[in-house]
């Protein structure tokens, strides 16, 4: 359960073997989006030995100049909601996940990207999980990351997560996530697990 909740810092979200991928030419630094926003985009990951597939099944503009992107997990021909994200130059915000709607939306990545930026979030788990989760996230900078899909210049975000039963802390978990411009999560890892991007296919506008 902890791992599935940590993965929501996700954005599962997600090309070649060339040098570190540059920011798309049509985006200025202030307009950099750290997630794919085209309907039909497809992410394939190696998740601790298993292959998992995600697809953007809907994408529409929001009222603040960003895009609301619905991402489903594809398994055995069936699609189930993985994340609904608000992606804009302000960052990446989780609107909804398998556990329900986030009120207010949870900030997964704060933009514009700046090293040592910190922020805190709080959220609840799935319906049968009564714990409250509090996390502190920190951008440590941009670094080159090599995964099966290629090499990317990605923003590294470290998260420290604590679960509480009422006011009593019950356990802690840490994770690290790397976001590449125009794609999303290219790598994510925690204690005993790793998820890496195998391929990314952008949708067609």
N, C-alpha and C. Protein backbone atom coordinates (compact mmCIF):
# COMPACT_ATOMS: atom_id res chain seq x y z
N UNK A 1 0.83 -1.20 0.00
CA UNK A 1 0.00 0.00 0.00
C UNK A 1 0.86 1.25 0.00
N UNK A 2 1.94 1.25 0.86
CA UNK A 2 2.81 2.41 0.90
C UNK A 2 3.41 2.65 -0.47
N UNK A 3 3.84 1.54 -1.13
CA UNK A 3 4.48 1.69 -2.43
C UNK A 3 3.53 2.25 -3.46
N UNK A 4 2.28 1.79 -3.46
CA UNK A 4 1.32 2.30 -4.45
C UNK A 4 1.03 3.77 -4.22
N UNK A 5 1.02 4.20 -2.95
CA UNK A 5 0.79 5.61 -2.66
C UNK A 5 2.00 6.44 -3.04
N UNK A 6 3.21 5.89 -2.79
CA UNK A 6 4.41 6.61 -3.18
C UNK A 6 4.46 6.76 -4.69
N UNK A 7 4.02 5.71 -5.42
CA UNK A 7 4.06 5.75 -6.88
C UNK A 7 3.18 6.83 -7.46
N UNK A 8 2.18 7.27 -6.68
CA UNK A 8 1.31 8.34 -7.18
C UNK A 8 2.08 9.64 -7.34
N UNK A 9 3.24 9.73 -6.78
CA UNK A 9 4.04 10.91 -6.98
C UNK A 9 4.57 10.94 -8.41
N UNK A 10 3.61 10.19 -8.60
CA UNK A 10 3.55 10.03 -9.84
C UNK A 10 2.75 10.56 -10.56
N UNK A 11 3.79 10.73 -11.29
CA UNK A 11 3.21 10.59 -12.17
C UNK A 11 3.59 9.74 -12.96
N UNK A 12 3.22 8.29 -12.94
CA UNK A 12 3.46 7.60 -13.69
C UNK A 12 3.58 8.16 -14.97
N UNK A 13 3.73 8.76 -15.09
CA UNK A 13 3.74 9.44 -15.82
C UNK A 13 4.96 9.44 -16.65
N UNK A 14 5.21 10.22 -18.18
CA UNK A 14 6.32 9.50 -18.22
C UNK A 14 6.86 10.64 -19.04
N UNK A 15 14.07 9.69 -27.88
CA UNK A 15 13.87 8.82 -26.78
C UNK A 15 14.79 7.90 -27.38
N UNK A 16 15.45 8.32 -27.03
CA UNK A 16 16.46 7.64 -27.80
C UNK A 16 17.68 7.41 -26.96
N UNK A 17 18.78 6.84 -27.60
CA UNK A 17 20.02 6.62 -26.88
C UNK A 17 20.99 7.78 -27.12
N UNK A 18 20.46 8.91 -27.61
CA UNK A 18 21.26 10.09 -27.87
C UNK A 18 21.62 10.77 -26.55
N UNK A 19 22.42 11.84 -26.61
CA UNK A 19 22.73 12.56 -25.36
C UNK A 19 21.49 13.10 -24.70
N UNK A 20 21.67 13.63 -23.52
CA UNK A 20 20.53 14.06 -22.68
C UNK A 20 19.52 14.85 -23.49
N UNK A 21 18.25 14.44 -23.34
CA UNK A 21 17.19 15.03 -24.15
C UNK A 21 17.01 16.50 -23.83
N UNK A 22 17.01 17.38 -24.84
CA UNK A 22 16.84 18.81 -24.59
C UNK A 22 15.38 19.17 -24.40
N UNK A 23 15.15 20.36 -23.90
CA UNK A 23 13.78 20.88 -23.82
C UNK A 23 13.27 21.06 -25.24
N UNK A 24 12.03 20.65 -25.55
CA UNK A 24 11.50 20.83 -26.89
C UNK A 24 11.67 22.27 -27.38
N UNK A 25 12.05 22.43 -28.65
CA UNK A 25 12.38 23.74 -29.19
C UNK A 25 11.22 24.72 -29.12
N UNK A 26 9.97 24.21 -29.18
CA UNK A 26 8.85 25.13 -29.21
C UNK A 26 8.46 25.64 -27.82
N UNK A 27 9.21 25.20 -26.80
CA UNK A 27 8.93 25.65 -25.44
C UNK A 27 10.05 26.56 -24.95
N UNK A 28 9.70 27.71 -24.45
CA UNK A 28 10.68 28.57 -23.82
C UNK A 28 10.87 28.08 -22.40
N UNK A 29 11.96 28.50 -21.70
CA UNK A 29 12.17 28.02 -20.33
C UNK A 29 10.97 28.23 -19.42
N UNK A 30 10.26 29.37 -19.55
CA UNK A 30 9.12 29.63 -18.68
C UNK A 30 7.93 28.74 -19.05
N UNK A 31 7.95 28.14 -20.23
CA UNK A 31 6.82 27.33 -20.68
C UNK A 31 7.10 25.84 -20.60
N UNK A 32 8.23 25.46 -20.02
CA UNK A 32 8.59 24.05 -19.96
C UNK A 32 7.54 23.25 -19.20
N UNK A 33 7.07 22.19 -19.83
CA UNK A 33 6.13 21.27 -19.20
C UNK A 33 6.88 19.97 -18.91
N UNK A 34 6.74 19.49 -17.70
CA UNK A 34 7.46 18.29 -17.30
C UNK A 34 6.59 17.05 -17.34
N UNK A 35 5.67 17.03 -18.31
CA UNK A 35 4.83 15.85 -18.50
C UNK A 35 4.23 15.91 -19.90
N UNK A 36 4.02 14.77 -20.52
CA UNK A 36 3.32 14.72 -21.79
C UNK A 36 1.87 15.12 -21.61
N UNK A 37 1.34 15.91 -22.53
CA UNK A 37 -0.03 16.41 -22.39
C UNK A 37 -0.89 16.08 -23.62
N UNK A 38 -0.39 15.26 -24.54
CA UNK A 38 -1.17 14.92 -25.72
C UNK A 38 -2.00 13.65 -25.49
N UNK A 39 -3.25 13.71 -25.88
CA UNK A 39 -4.09 12.52 -25.81
C UNK A 39 -3.48 11.43 -26.68
N UNK A 40 -3.46 10.21 -26.18
CA UNK A 40 -2.89 9.09 -26.91
C UNK A 40 -1.43 8.80 -26.57
N UNK A 41 -0.81 9.68 -25.78
CA UNK A 41 0.57 9.42 -25.34
C UNK A 41 0.62 8.11 -24.55
N UNK A 42 1.73 7.41 -24.68
CA UNK A 42 1.83 6.08 -24.08
C UNK A 42 3.19 5.92 -23.40
N UNK A 43 3.17 5.48 -22.15
CA UNK A 43 4.37 5.24 -21.36
C UNK A 43 4.47 3.76 -21.02
N UNK A 44 5.61 3.15 -21.24
CA UNK A 44 5.85 1.76 -20.86
C UNK A 44 7.01 1.75 -19.87
N UNK A 45 6.79 1.12 -18.72
CA UNK A 45 7.80 1.08 -17.67
C UNK A 45 8.19 -0.35 -17.33
N UNK A 46 9.43 -0.50 -16.86
CA UNK A 46 9.87 -1.72 -16.19
C UNK A 46 9.75 -1.44 -14.70
N UNK A 47 8.82 -2.12 -14.05
CA UNK A 47 8.51 -1.87 -12.65
C UNK A 47 8.94 -3.06 -11.82
N UNK A 48 10.21 -3.01 -11.33
CA UNK A 48 10.78 -4.08 -10.53
C UNK A 48 10.55 -5.43 -11.21
N UNK A 49 10.88 -5.49 -12.49
CA UNK A 49 10.81 -6.74 -13.24
C UNK A 49 9.54 -6.93 -14.04
N UNK A 50 8.48 -6.20 -13.75
CA UNK A 50 7.21 -6.34 -14.47
C UNK A 50 7.03 -5.14 -15.41
N UNK A 51 6.38 -5.38 -16.54
CA UNK A 51 6.10 -4.30 -17.48
C UNK A 51 4.73 -3.72 -17.20
N UNK A 52 4.66 -2.39 -17.10
CA UNK A 52 3.39 -1.71 -16.89
C UNK A 52 3.23 -0.64 -17.97
N UNK A 53 1.98 -0.45 -18.41
CA UNK A 53 1.70 0.45 -19.52
C UNK A 53 0.65 1.47 -19.08
N UNK A 54 0.89 2.74 -19.45
CA UNK A 54 -0.05 3.82 -19.17
C UNK A 54 -0.35 4.58 -20.45
N UNK A 55 -1.58 5.09 -20.55
CA UNK A 55 -1.99 5.82 -21.75
C UNK A 55 -2.80 7.05 -21.37
N UNK A 56 -2.52 8.17 -22.04
CA UNK A 56 -3.31 9.38 -21.84
C UNK A 56 -4.60 9.25 -22.64
N UNK A 57 -5.70 9.01 -21.94
CA UNK A 57 -6.97 8.77 -22.62
C UNK A 57 -7.79 10.04 -22.82
N UNK A 58 -7.37 11.13 -22.19
CA UNK A 58 -8.07 12.40 -22.37
C UNK A 58 -7.11 13.53 -22.03
N UNK A 59 -7.22 14.64 -22.74
CA UNK A 59 -6.41 15.83 -22.46
C UNK A 59 -7.19 17.05 -22.92
N UNK A 60 -7.35 17.99 -22.03
CA UNK A 60 -8.12 19.19 -22.37
C UNK A 60 -7.55 20.39 -21.62
N UNK A 61 -7.66 21.60 -22.20
CA UNK A 61 -7.12 22.79 -21.53
C UNK A 61 -7.88 23.11 -20.25
N UNK A 62 -7.14 23.66 -19.27
CA UNK A 62 -7.82 24.13 -18.06
C UNK A 62 -7.95 25.64 -18.12
N UNK A 63 -8.49 26.23 -17.07
CA UNK A 63 -8.79 27.66 -17.08
C UNK A 63 -7.56 28.52 -16.79
N UNK A 64 -6.44 27.88 -16.42
CA UNK A 64 -5.26 28.66 -16.04
C UNK A 64 -4.11 28.48 -17.04
N UNK A 65 -4.41 28.03 -18.24
CA UNK A 65 -3.39 27.91 -19.26
C UNK A 65 -2.64 26.60 -19.29
N UNK A 66 -3.08 25.63 -18.51
CA UNK A 66 -2.46 24.32 -18.51
C UNK A 66 -3.33 23.29 -19.20
N UNK A 67 -3.04 22.03 -18.92
CA UNK A 67 -3.82 20.93 -19.48
C UNK A 67 -4.18 19.94 -18.38
N UNK A 68 -5.42 19.46 -18.42
CA UNK A 68 -5.84 18.39 -17.53
C UNK A 68 -5.74 17.09 -18.31
N UNK A 69 -4.88 16.19 -17.85
CA UNK A 69 -4.57 14.96 -18.57
C UNK A 69 -5.03 13.76 -17.74
N UNK A 70 -5.84 12.91 -18.35
CA UNK A 70 -6.29 11.68 -17.69
C UNK A 70 -5.42 10.53 -18.18
N UNK A 71 -4.82 9.80 -17.24
CA UNK A 71 -3.90 8.72 -17.58
C UNK A 71 -4.45 7.42 -17.00
N UNK A 72 -4.64 6.43 -17.87
CA UNK A 72 -5.14 5.12 -17.45
C UNK A 72 -4.02 4.09 -17.48
N UNK A 73 -4.12 3.13 -16.59
CA UNK A 73 -3.24 1.96 -16.67
C UNK A 73 -3.89 0.96 -17.60
N UNK A 74 -3.11 0.40 -18.51
CA UNK A 74 -3.61 -0.56 -19.49
C UNK A 74 -3.11 -1.95 -19.10
N UNK A 75 -4.04 -2.85 -18.85
CA UNK A 75 -3.67 -4.20 -18.41
C UNK A 75 -4.67 -5.20 -18.96
N UNK A 76 -4.17 -6.16 -19.73
CA UNK A 76 -5.02 -7.19 -20.34
C UNK A 76 -6.17 -6.58 -21.14
N UNK A 77 -5.87 -5.51 -21.85
CA UNK A 77 -6.88 -4.87 -22.69
C UNK A 77 -7.85 -3.97 -21.94
N UNK A 78 -7.73 -3.89 -20.62
CA UNK A 78 -8.63 -3.07 -19.83
C UNK A 78 -7.90 -1.82 -19.34
N UNK A 79 -8.65 -0.72 -19.23
CA UNK A 79 -8.08 0.54 -18.78
C UNK A 79 -8.73 0.98 -17.47
N UNK A 80 -7.90 1.31 -16.50
CA UNK A 80 -8.39 1.80 -15.22
C UNK A 80 -7.64 3.09 -14.88
N UNK A 81 -8.32 4.01 -14.20
CA UNK A 81 -7.72 5.29 -13.89
C UNK A 81 -6.46 5.13 -13.04
N UNK A 82 -5.38 5.75 -13.49
CA UNK A 82 -4.16 5.81 -12.71
C UNK A 82 -3.99 7.18 -12.10
N UNK A 83 -4.15 8.23 -12.93
CA UNK A 83 -3.99 9.60 -12.45
C UNK A 83 -4.75 10.56 -13.34
N UNK A 84 -5.22 11.63 -12.75
CA UNK A 84 -5.68 12.80 -13.49
C UNK A 84 -4.81 13.95 -13.02
N UNK A 85 -4.08 14.55 -13.97
CA UNK A 85 -3.08 15.55 -13.64
C UNK A 85 -3.42 16.90 -14.25
N UNK A 86 -3.05 17.96 -13.53
CA UNK A 86 -3.06 19.31 -14.08
C UNK A 86 -1.60 19.66 -14.36
N UNK A 87 -1.28 19.80 -15.65
CA UNK A 87 0.11 20.06 -16.06
C UNK A 87 0.18 21.45 -16.67
N UNK A 88 1.07 22.29 -16.14
CA UNK A 88 1.20 23.66 -16.63
C UNK A 88 2.60 24.15 -16.29
N UNK A 89 2.96 25.38 -16.72
CA UNK A 89 4.26 25.94 -16.31
C UNK A 89 4.39 26.10 -14.79
N UNK A 90 3.28 25.99 -14.05
CA UNK A 90 3.34 26.05 -12.58
C UNK A 90 3.82 24.74 -11.99
N UNK A 91 3.74 23.65 -12.77
CA UNK A 91 4.17 22.36 -12.26
C UNK A 91 3.19 21.26 -12.60
N UNK A 92 3.25 20.18 -11.82
CA UNK A 92 2.38 19.02 -12.00
C UNK A 92 1.57 18.82 -10.72
N UNK A 93 0.25 18.77 -10.86
CA UNK A 93 -0.64 18.62 -9.70
C UNK A 93 -1.53 17.40 -9.90
N UNK A 94 -1.59 16.55 -8.89
CA UNK A 94 -2.46 15.37 -8.93
C UNK A 94 -3.87 15.77 -8.51
N UNK A 95 -4.82 15.65 -9.45
CA UNK A 95 -6.21 15.99 -9.19
C UNK A 95 -6.97 14.79 -8.64
N UNK A 96 -6.68 13.62 -9.21
CA UNK A 96 -7.42 12.41 -8.83
C UNK A 96 -6.55 11.18 -9.07
N UNK A 97 -6.70 10.19 -8.20
CA UNK A 97 -6.02 8.92 -8.34
C UNK A 97 -6.97 7.79 -7.99
N UNK A 98 -6.48 6.55 -7.94
CA UNK A 98 -7.34 5.42 -7.59
C UNK A 98 -8.02 5.57 -6.24
N UNK A 99 -7.39 6.35 -5.33
CA UNK A 99 -7.95 6.53 -3.99
C UNK A 99 -9.03 7.60 -3.95
N UNK A 100 -9.20 8.34 -5.07
CA UNK A 100 -10.24 9.37 -5.11
C UNK A 100 -9.68 10.73 -5.48
N UNK A 101 -10.52 11.75 -5.32
CA UNK A 101 -10.16 13.11 -5.69
C UNK A 101 -9.32 13.76 -4.60
N UNK A 102 -8.30 14.49 -5.01
CA UNK A 102 -7.47 15.24 -4.08
C UNK A 102 -8.02 16.65 -3.93
N UNK A 103 -8.35 17.06 -2.72
CA UNK A 103 -8.84 18.41 -2.45
C UNK A 103 -8.02 19.02 -1.34
N UNK A 104 -7.18 20.01 -1.66
CA UNK A 104 -6.88 20.53 -3.01
C UNK A 104 -5.97 19.57 -3.75
N UNK A 105 -5.76 19.77 -5.05
CA UNK A 105 -4.84 18.92 -5.80
C UNK A 105 -3.45 18.91 -5.16
N UNK A 106 -2.77 17.78 -5.26
CA UNK A 106 -1.46 17.58 -4.65
C UNK A 106 -0.36 17.99 -5.62
N UNK A 107 0.55 18.84 -5.17
CA UNK A 107 1.67 19.27 -6.01
C UNK A 107 2.75 18.20 -6.03
N UNK A 108 2.98 17.61 -7.21
CA UNK A 108 4.02 16.60 -7.36
C UNK A 108 5.35 17.21 -7.78
N UNK A 109 5.27 18.29 -8.58
CA UNK A 109 6.47 19.00 -9.03
C UNK A 109 6.15 20.49 -9.11
N UNK A 110 6.97 21.29 -8.45
CA UNK A 110 6.76 22.73 -8.42
C UNK A 110 7.66 23.41 -9.46
N UNK A 111 7.05 24.24 -10.29
CA UNK A 111 7.78 24.95 -11.34
C UNK A 111 7.57 26.45 -11.19
N UNK A 112 8.49 27.27 -11.73
CA UNK A 112 9.68 26.85 -12.47
C UNK A 112 10.66 26.10 -11.57
N UNK A 113 11.39 25.18 -12.18
CA UNK A 113 12.29 24.31 -11.43
C UNK A 113 13.46 25.10 -10.87
N UNK A 114 13.70 24.92 -9.58
CA UNK A 114 14.83 25.58 -8.92
C UNK A 114 15.35 24.67 -7.83
N UNK A 115 16.64 24.41 -7.83
CA UNK A 115 17.24 23.53 -6.83
C UNK A 115 16.96 24.03 -5.43
N UNK A 116 16.74 23.09 -4.52
CA UNK A 116 16.49 23.33 -3.10
C UNK A 116 15.08 23.84 -2.80
N UNK A 117 14.21 23.89 -3.82
CA UNK A 117 12.81 24.23 -3.57
C UNK A 117 12.16 23.12 -2.75
N UNK A 118 11.43 23.48 -1.69
CA UNK A 118 10.77 22.51 -0.83
C UNK A 118 9.29 22.85 -0.69
N UNK A 119 8.46 21.83 -0.54
CA UNK A 119 7.05 22.05 -0.24
C UNK A 119 6.50 20.82 0.47
N UNK A 120 5.36 20.99 1.12
CA UNK A 120 4.76 19.91 1.88
C UNK A 120 3.36 19.62 1.37
N UNK A 121 2.93 18.36 1.50
CA UNK A 121 1.60 17.96 1.08
C UNK A 121 1.01 17.02 2.13
N UNK A 122 -0.31 16.89 2.08
CA UNK A 122 -1.01 15.94 2.96
C UNK A 122 -2.14 15.31 2.16
N UNK A 123 -2.34 14.01 2.33
CA UNK A 123 -3.38 13.33 1.57
C UNK A 123 -3.82 12.07 2.32
N UNK A 124 -4.96 11.53 1.92
CA UNK A 124 -5.48 10.29 2.49
C UNK A 124 -5.23 9.15 1.51
N UNK A 125 -5.37 7.93 2.01
CA UNK A 125 -5.13 6.75 1.18
C UNK A 125 -6.40 6.26 0.51
N UNK A 126 -6.36 5.01 0.09
CA UNK A 126 -7.52 4.39 -0.53
C UNK A 126 -8.63 4.24 0.49
N UNK A 127 -9.87 3.94 0.04
CA UNK A 127 -11.01 3.90 0.97
C UNK A 127 -10.81 3.01 2.19
N UNK A 128 -10.08 1.90 2.04
CA UNK A 128 -9.88 1.01 3.18
C UNK A 128 -8.63 1.34 3.98
N UNK A 129 -8.00 2.46 3.68
CA UNK A 129 -6.79 2.89 4.38
C UNK A 129 -7.15 4.14 5.18
N UNK A 130 -7.13 4.03 6.49
CA UNK A 130 -7.56 5.14 7.35
C UNK A 130 -6.41 6.07 7.74
N UNK A 131 -5.21 5.77 7.29
CA UNK A 131 -4.06 6.61 7.64
C UNK A 131 -4.10 7.95 6.90
N UNK A 132 -3.44 8.93 7.50
CA UNK A 132 -3.18 10.22 6.87
C UNK A 132 -1.71 10.26 6.48
N UNK A 133 -1.43 10.73 5.27
CA UNK A 133 -0.06 10.77 4.78
C UNK A 133 0.41 12.22 4.65
N UNK A 134 1.57 12.48 5.20
CA UNK A 134 2.18 13.79 5.09
C UNK A 134 3.56 13.61 4.47
N UNK A 135 3.88 14.48 3.52
CA UNK A 135 5.15 14.34 2.81
C UNK A 135 5.81 15.69 2.61
N UNK A 136 7.12 15.66 2.64
CA UNK A 136 7.93 16.83 2.28
C UNK A 136 8.71 16.48 1.02
N UNK A 137 8.60 17.35 0.01
CA UNK A 137 9.28 17.12 -1.26
C UNK A 137 10.33 18.19 -1.47
N UNK A 138 11.42 17.81 -2.15
CA UNK A 138 12.52 18.74 -2.40
C UNK A 138 13.11 18.49 -3.77
N UNK A 139 13.27 19.57 -4.55
CA UNK A 139 13.99 19.49 -5.82
C UNK A 139 15.48 19.64 -5.52
N UNK A 140 16.27 18.63 -5.91
CA UNK A 140 17.71 18.70 -5.64
C UNK A 140 18.49 19.23 -6.83
N UNK A 141 17.84 19.31 -8.01
CA UNK A 141 18.51 19.81 -9.19
C UNK A 141 18.17 18.98 -10.41
N UNK A 142 18.90 19.23 -11.51
CA UNK A 142 18.73 18.49 -12.76
C UNK A 142 19.97 17.66 -13.01
N UNK A 143 19.78 16.41 -13.41
CA UNK A 143 20.92 15.52 -13.67
C UNK A 143 20.60 14.57 -14.80
N UNK A 144 21.65 14.02 -15.42
CA UNK A 144 21.47 13.05 -16.49
C UNK A 144 21.08 11.70 -15.89
N UNK A 145 20.03 11.10 -16.45
CA UNK A 145 19.53 9.81 -15.98
C UNK A 145 19.44 8.87 -17.18
N UNK A 146 20.01 7.68 -17.06
CA UNK A 146 19.95 6.69 -18.13
C UNK A 146 19.01 5.57 -17.73
N UNK A 147 18.01 5.32 -18.55
CA UNK A 147 17.01 4.26 -18.34
C UNK A 147 16.89 3.49 -19.66
N UNK A 148 16.15 2.38 -19.70
CA UNK A 148 16.03 1.62 -20.95
C UNK A 148 15.58 2.45 -22.15
N UNK A 149 14.79 3.51 -21.94
CA UNK A 149 14.31 4.33 -23.05
C UNK A 149 15.37 5.28 -23.58
N UNK A 150 16.44 5.53 -22.83
CA UNK A 150 17.47 6.45 -23.28
C UNK A 150 18.05 7.26 -22.14
N UNK A 151 18.67 8.37 -22.50
CA UNK A 151 19.33 9.24 -21.53
C UNK A 151 18.62 10.59 -21.53
N UNK A 152 18.31 11.09 -20.34
CA UNK A 152 17.53 12.32 -20.21
C UNK A 152 18.14 13.26 -19.19
N UNK A 153 18.00 14.54 -19.43
CA UNK A 153 18.29 15.55 -18.41
C UNK A 153 17.01 15.71 -17.61
N UNK A 154 16.99 15.21 -16.38
CA UNK A 154 15.75 15.11 -15.61
C UNK A 154 15.88 15.81 -14.27
N UNK A 155 14.75 16.34 -13.82
CA UNK A 155 14.68 17.00 -12.51
C UNK A 155 14.49 15.94 -11.43
N UNK A 156 15.35 15.99 -10.43
CA UNK A 156 15.30 15.01 -9.33
C UNK A 156 14.49 15.59 -8.17
N UNK A 157 13.50 14.82 -7.71
CA UNK A 157 12.66 15.22 -6.58
C UNK A 157 12.71 14.13 -5.52
N UNK A 158 13.11 14.50 -4.32
CA UNK A 158 13.16 13.56 -3.21
C UNK A 158 11.95 13.79 -2.31
N UNK A 159 11.33 12.69 -1.89
CA UNK A 159 10.14 12.78 -1.04
C UNK A 159 10.35 11.97 0.24
N UNK A 160 9.99 12.58 1.35
CA UNK A 160 9.99 11.91 2.65
C UNK A 160 8.54 11.85 3.12
N UNK A 161 8.02 10.63 3.27
CA UNK A 161 6.60 10.42 3.54
C UNK A 161 6.41 9.76 4.89
N UNK A 162 5.46 10.28 5.66
CA UNK A 162 5.12 9.71 6.96
C UNK A 162 3.64 9.40 6.98
N UNK A 163 3.29 8.24 7.53
CA UNK A 163 1.89 7.84 7.68
C UNK A 163 1.50 8.00 9.15
N UNK A 164 0.30 8.53 9.36
CA UNK A 164 -0.18 8.77 10.72
C UNK A 164 -1.53 8.10 10.93
N UNK A 165 -1.69 7.45 12.07
CA UNK A 165 -2.99 6.97 12.52
C UNK A 165 -3.44 7.95 13.59
N UNK A 166 -4.31 8.88 13.19
CA UNK A 166 -4.62 9.99 14.08
C UNK A 166 -3.39 10.88 14.18
N UNK A 167 -2.91 11.12 15.40
CA UNK A 167 -1.70 11.91 15.59
C UNK A 167 -0.46 11.04 15.79
N UNK A 168 -0.63 9.72 15.70
CA UNK A 168 0.47 8.81 15.96
C UNK A 168 1.15 8.39 14.66
N UNK A 169 2.46 8.65 14.52
CA UNK A 169 3.17 8.18 13.33
C UNK A 169 3.30 6.65 13.35
N UNK A 170 3.01 6.01 12.23
CA UNK A 170 3.05 4.54 12.17
C UNK A 170 4.18 4.02 11.30
N UNK A 171 4.61 4.76 10.29
CA UNK A 171 5.79 4.38 9.52
C UNK A 171 6.20 5.50 8.59
N UNK A 172 7.41 5.37 8.06
CA UNK A 172 7.96 6.36 7.15
C UNK A 172 8.48 5.68 5.89
N UNK A 173 8.51 6.42 4.81
CA UNK A 173 9.01 5.90 3.54
C UNK A 173 9.60 7.04 2.72
N UNK A 174 10.67 6.75 2.00
CA UNK A 174 11.30 7.75 1.15
C UNK A 174 11.26 7.28 -0.31
N UNK A 175 11.20 8.22 -1.23
CA UNK A 175 11.27 7.89 -2.64
C UNK A 175 11.96 9.01 -3.40
N UNK A 176 12.47 8.68 -4.58
CA UNK A 176 13.08 9.67 -5.46
C UNK A 176 12.47 9.51 -6.84
N UNK A 177 12.11 10.64 -7.46
CA UNK A 177 11.48 10.63 -8.77
C UNK A 177 12.22 11.59 -9.69
N UNK A 178 12.40 11.16 -10.96
CA UNK A 178 13.06 11.99 -11.96
C UNK A 178 12.05 12.32 -13.06
N UNK A 179 11.88 13.62 -13.36
CA UNK A 179 10.95 14.10 -14.38
C UNK A 179 11.72 14.68 -15.56
N UNK A 180 11.38 14.26 -16.77
CA UNK A 180 12.00 14.80 -17.98
C UNK A 180 11.01 15.70 -18.71
N UNK A 181 11.48 16.80 -19.30
CA UNK A 181 10.58 17.71 -20.03
C UNK A 181 9.83 17.00 -21.14
N UNK A 182 8.53 17.29 -21.23
CA UNK A 182 7.71 16.75 -22.28
C UNK A 182 7.32 15.30 -22.12
N UNK A 183 7.80 14.63 -21.07
CA UNK A 183 7.54 13.20 -20.89
C UNK A 183 6.86 12.93 -19.55
N UNK A 184 7.53 13.32 -18.47
CA UNK A 184 7.03 13.00 -17.14
C UNK A 184 8.04 12.17 -16.40
N UNK A 185 7.59 11.19 -15.67
CA UNK A 185 8.47 10.34 -14.87
C UNK A 185 9.28 9.43 -15.79
N UNK A 186 10.61 9.51 -15.67
CA UNK A 186 11.47 8.57 -16.40
C UNK A 186 12.07 7.53 -15.46
N UNK A 187 12.11 7.87 -14.17
CA UNK A 187 12.61 6.91 -13.19
C UNK A 187 12.03 7.25 -11.83
N UNK A 188 11.79 6.20 -11.04
CA UNK A 188 11.30 6.37 -9.68
C UNK A 188 11.80 5.20 -8.86
N UNK A 189 12.24 5.47 -7.65
CA UNK A 189 12.74 4.37 -6.82
C UNK A 189 12.48 4.65 -5.35
N UNK A 190 12.36 3.55 -4.62
CA UNK A 190 12.21 3.60 -3.18
C UNK A 190 12.90 2.38 -2.61
N UNK A 191 12.69 2.11 -1.34
CA UNK A 191 13.35 0.98 -0.71
C UNK A 191 12.82 -0.34 -1.29
N UNK A 192 13.65 -1.05 -2.01
CA UNK A 192 13.28 -2.37 -2.53
C UNK A 192 12.57 -2.36 -3.86
N UNK A 193 12.40 -1.21 -4.50
CA UNK A 193 11.72 -1.19 -5.80
C UNK A 193 12.25 -0.06 -6.68
N UNK A 194 12.15 -0.27 -8.00
CA UNK A 194 12.57 0.71 -8.99
C UNK A 194 11.64 0.64 -10.19
N UNK A 195 11.27 1.79 -10.72
CA UNK A 195 10.48 1.87 -11.95
C UNK A 195 11.24 2.73 -12.94
N UNK A 196 11.47 2.19 -14.17
CA UNK A 196 12.22 2.91 -15.18
C UNK A 196 11.46 2.92 -16.50
N UNK A 197 11.56 4.02 -17.23
CA UNK A 197 10.88 4.16 -18.51
C UNK A 197 11.55 3.29 -19.57
N UNK A 198 10.74 2.45 -20.24
CA UNK A 198 11.24 1.63 -21.34
C UNK A 198 10.97 2.30 -22.69
N UNK A 199 9.84 2.99 -22.79
CA UNK A 199 9.54 3.71 -24.03
C UNK A 199 8.47 4.75 -23.77
N UNK A 200 8.51 5.80 -24.58
CA UNK A 200 7.49 6.84 -24.54
C UNK A 200 7.11 7.18 -25.96
N UNK A 201 5.80 7.14 -26.24
CA UNK A 201 5.27 7.49 -27.56
C UNK A 201 4.31 8.65 -27.39
N UNK A 202 4.67 9.85 -27.89
CA UNK A 202 3.76 10.99 -27.72
C UNK A 202 2.50 10.83 -28.57
N UNK A 203 1.39 11.34 -28.07
CA UNK A 203 0.15 11.32 -28.84
C UNK A 203 0.20 12.35 -29.95
N UNK A 204 -0.76 12.28 -30.83
CA UNK A 204 -0.85 13.22 -31.93
C UNK A 204 -1.90 14.27 -31.63
N UNK A 205 -1.54 15.52 -31.77
CA UNK A 205 -2.49 16.62 -31.50
C UNK A 205 -3.60 16.61 -32.55
